[in-house]
Amino acid sequence: MTDQHAIANHVETLESEQVKALVLNWLSRTNGSLSDFERLLESEFPSPDAVMEQGQIDEKLQRFNR
C-alpha cells in the first residue's frame, strides 16, 4: 500500500519542471496507478532519506574494504 502523505511530501521537494516530467512519464509509461507513480518517483528522484541511506551503506562498504 502506498503512503500518499509521503508521496506528497516528496513531490513538494521537486521543481515544477521535474513534476511535469514525472507526471508525463507516469501517464505514458505505466498504467497510471499510484504505486507505479511512487516507484517512478523514487527511481527518478530518490528521496533525501533514500540518498542518505545509500550514502551510509557506501561509507560502510568503503570502511570494510580498507
N, C-alpha and C. Protein backbone atom coordinates (compact mmCIF):
# COMPACT_ATOMS: atom_id res chain seq x y z
N MET A 1 0.84 -1.19 0.00
CA MET A 1 0.00 0.00 0.00
C MET A 1 0.88 1.24 0.00
N THR A 2 0.50 2.23 -0.74
CA THR A 2 1.30 3.44 -0.85
C THR A 2 0.96 4.42 0.27
N ASP A 3 1.94 5.22 0.62
CA ASP A 3 1.77 6.25 1.64
C ASP A 3 1.58 7.59 0.93
N GLN A 4 0.34 8.00 0.76
CA GLN A 4 0.03 9.20 -0.01
C GLN A 4 0.68 10.44 0.59
N HIS A 5 0.75 10.51 1.90
CA HIS A 5 1.35 11.67 2.56
C HIS A 5 2.84 11.75 2.25
N ALA A 6 3.53 10.63 2.29
CA ALA A 6 4.96 10.60 1.98
C ALA A 6 5.20 10.97 0.52
N ILE A 7 4.36 10.47 -0.37
CA ILE A 7 4.49 10.81 -1.80
C ILE A 7 4.30 12.31 -1.99
N ALA A 8 3.27 12.87 -1.37
CA ALA A 8 3.01 14.31 -1.49
C ALA A 8 4.18 15.13 -0.97
N ASN A 9 4.73 14.73 0.16
CA ASN A 9 5.88 15.45 0.73
C ASN A 9 7.08 15.38 -0.22
N HIS A 10 7.30 14.23 -0.81
CA HIS A 10 8.41 14.06 -1.74
C HIS A 10 8.21 14.92 -2.98
N VAL A 11 7.01 14.93 -3.53
CA VAL A 11 6.73 15.72 -4.73
C VAL A 11 6.90 17.21 -4.44
N GLU A 12 6.56 17.64 -3.24
CA GLU A 12 6.70 19.06 -2.88
C GLU A 12 8.16 19.52 -2.90
N THR A 13 9.12 18.61 -2.80
CA THR A 13 10.53 18.99 -2.81
C THR A 13 11.06 19.19 -4.23
N LEU A 14 10.28 18.79 -5.24
CA LEU A 14 10.74 18.86 -6.63
C LEU A 14 10.42 20.21 -7.25
N GLU A 15 11.21 20.55 -8.26
CA GLU A 15 10.94 21.75 -9.07
C GLU A 15 9.74 21.46 -9.97
N SER A 16 9.08 22.51 -10.43
CA SER A 16 7.87 22.33 -11.23
C SER A 16 8.13 21.56 -12.52
N GLU A 17 9.25 21.80 -13.18
CA GLU A 17 9.57 21.07 -14.41
C GLU A 17 9.83 19.58 -14.13
N GLN A 18 10.38 19.28 -12.96
CA GLN A 18 10.60 17.88 -12.59
C GLN A 18 9.27 17.18 -12.37
N VAL A 19 8.33 17.88 -11.74
CA VAL A 19 7.00 17.30 -11.50
C VAL A 19 6.30 17.06 -12.83
N LYS A 20 6.39 18.02 -13.72
CA LYS A 20 5.77 17.89 -15.05
C LYS A 20 6.33 16.67 -15.78
N ALA A 21 7.65 16.53 -15.79
CA ALA A 21 8.28 15.40 -16.47
C ALA A 21 7.88 14.08 -15.81
N LEU A 22 7.83 14.08 -14.49
CA LEU A 22 7.45 12.88 -13.75
C LEU A 22 6.03 12.44 -14.10
N VAL A 23 5.10 13.37 -14.10
CA VAL A 23 3.70 13.04 -14.40
C VAL A 23 3.55 12.56 -15.84
N LEU A 24 4.24 13.22 -16.76
CA LEU A 24 4.16 12.79 -18.16
C LEU A 24 4.72 11.38 -18.33
N ASN A 25 5.84 11.08 -17.68
CA ASN A 25 6.40 9.72 -17.73
C ASN A 25 5.45 8.72 -17.10
N TRP A 26 4.87 9.08 -15.98
CA TRP A 26 3.95 8.19 -15.27
C TRP A 26 2.75 7.84 -16.15
N LEU A 27 2.18 8.85 -16.78
CA LEU A 27 0.99 8.61 -17.60
C LEU A 27 1.30 7.88 -18.90
N SER A 28 2.49 8.08 -19.44
CA SER A 28 2.81 7.46 -20.73
C SER A 28 3.50 6.10 -20.59
N ARG A 29 4.16 5.84 -19.46
CA ARG A 29 4.94 4.61 -19.33
C ARG A 29 4.35 3.58 -18.38
N THR A 30 3.26 3.92 -17.69
CA THR A 30 2.68 2.98 -16.73
C THR A 30 1.18 2.91 -16.95
N ASN A 31 0.52 2.11 -16.11
CA ASN A 31 -0.94 2.02 -16.20
C ASN A 31 -1.64 3.10 -15.39
N GLY A 32 -0.86 3.99 -14.78
CA GLY A 32 -1.44 5.14 -14.07
C GLY A 32 -1.79 4.89 -12.62
N SER A 33 -1.34 3.78 -12.05
CA SER A 33 -1.66 3.52 -10.64
C SER A 33 -0.74 4.35 -9.73
N LEU A 34 -1.21 4.59 -8.52
CA LEU A 34 -0.43 5.35 -7.55
C LEU A 34 0.85 4.62 -7.17
N SER A 35 0.80 3.30 -7.10
CA SER A 35 2.02 2.55 -6.78
C SER A 35 3.05 2.68 -7.91
N ASP A 36 2.60 2.75 -9.16
CA ASP A 36 3.52 2.99 -10.27
C ASP A 36 4.14 4.39 -10.15
N PHE A 37 3.33 5.36 -9.76
CA PHE A 37 3.83 6.72 -9.59
C PHE A 37 4.90 6.75 -8.49
N GLU A 38 4.64 6.06 -7.41
CA GLU A 38 5.59 6.02 -6.30
C GLU A 38 6.92 5.39 -6.74
N ARG A 39 6.85 4.28 -7.46
CA ARG A 39 8.07 3.63 -7.95
C ARG A 39 8.85 4.54 -8.91
N LEU A 40 8.14 5.20 -9.80
CA LEU A 40 8.77 6.11 -10.75
C LEU A 40 9.39 7.30 -10.02
N LEU A 41 8.69 7.84 -9.07
CA LEU A 41 9.19 8.95 -8.28
C LEU A 41 10.50 8.59 -7.60
N GLU A 42 10.53 7.44 -6.94
CA GLU A 42 11.75 7.01 -6.23
C GLU A 42 12.89 6.67 -7.17
N SER A 43 12.57 6.14 -8.36
CA SER A 43 13.64 5.79 -9.28
C SER A 43 14.24 7.02 -9.96
N GLU A 44 13.41 8.01 -10.27
CA GLU A 44 13.89 9.19 -10.97
C GLU A 44 14.41 10.27 -10.02
N PHE A 45 13.79 10.37 -8.84
CA PHE A 45 14.16 11.40 -7.87
C PHE A 45 14.18 10.78 -6.48
N PRO A 46 15.25 10.05 -6.15
CA PRO A 46 15.31 9.40 -4.83
C PRO A 46 15.10 10.41 -3.71
N SER A 47 14.37 10.00 -2.70
CA SER A 47 14.11 10.88 -1.56
C SER A 47 15.41 11.14 -0.81
N PRO A 48 15.50 12.28 -0.13
CA PRO A 48 16.71 12.56 0.65
C PRO A 48 17.03 11.44 1.65
N ASP A 49 16.02 10.82 2.22
CA ASP A 49 16.25 9.71 3.16
C ASP A 49 16.90 8.53 2.45
N ALA A 50 16.43 8.23 1.24
CA ALA A 50 16.99 7.10 0.49
C ALA A 50 18.42 7.40 0.08
N VAL A 51 18.70 8.63 -0.32
CA VAL A 51 20.05 9.01 -0.71
C VAL A 51 20.97 8.92 0.50
N MET A 52 20.49 9.39 1.65
CA MET A 52 21.29 9.33 2.87
C MET A 52 21.58 7.89 3.24
N GLU A 53 20.58 7.03 3.13
CA GLU A 53 20.76 5.61 3.45
C GLU A 53 21.77 4.98 2.51
N GLN A 54 21.69 5.28 1.22
CA GLN A 54 22.63 4.74 0.26
C GLN A 54 24.05 5.24 0.56
N GLY A 55 24.17 6.51 0.93
CA GLY A 55 25.47 7.07 1.28
C GLY A 55 26.06 6.39 2.50
N GLN A 56 25.22 6.09 3.47
CA GLN A 56 25.69 5.42 4.67
C GLN A 56 26.15 4.00 4.35
N ILE A 57 25.44 3.34 3.46
CA ILE A 57 25.84 1.98 3.05
C ILE A 57 27.16 2.05 2.31
N ASP A 58 27.31 3.01 1.40
CA ASP A 58 28.56 3.17 0.65
C ASP A 58 29.72 3.44 1.60
N GLU A 59 29.49 4.28 2.58
CA GLU A 59 30.54 4.60 3.55
C GLU A 59 30.96 3.36 4.33
N LYS A 60 30.00 2.55 4.74
CA LYS A 60 30.32 1.33 5.48
C LYS A 60 31.08 0.35 4.61
N LEU A 61 30.71 0.25 3.32
CA LEU A 61 31.43 -0.63 2.40
C LEU A 61 32.87 -0.16 2.19
N GLN A 62 33.06 1.15 2.09
CA GLN A 62 34.40 1.67 1.91
C GLN A 62 35.27 1.37 3.12
N ARG A 63 34.71 1.51 4.32
CA ARG A 63 35.46 1.20 5.53
C ARG A 63 35.78 -0.29 5.60
N PHE A 64 34.84 -1.12 5.16
CA PHE A 64 35.03 -2.56 5.17
C PHE A 64 36.15 -2.99 4.22
N ASN A 65 36.22 -2.32 3.06
CA ASN A 65 37.20 -2.68 2.03
C ASN A 65 38.61 -2.14 2.31
N ARG A 66 38.81 -1.38 3.35
CA ARG A 66 40.14 -0.83 3.66
C ARG A 66 41.02 -1.85 4.27
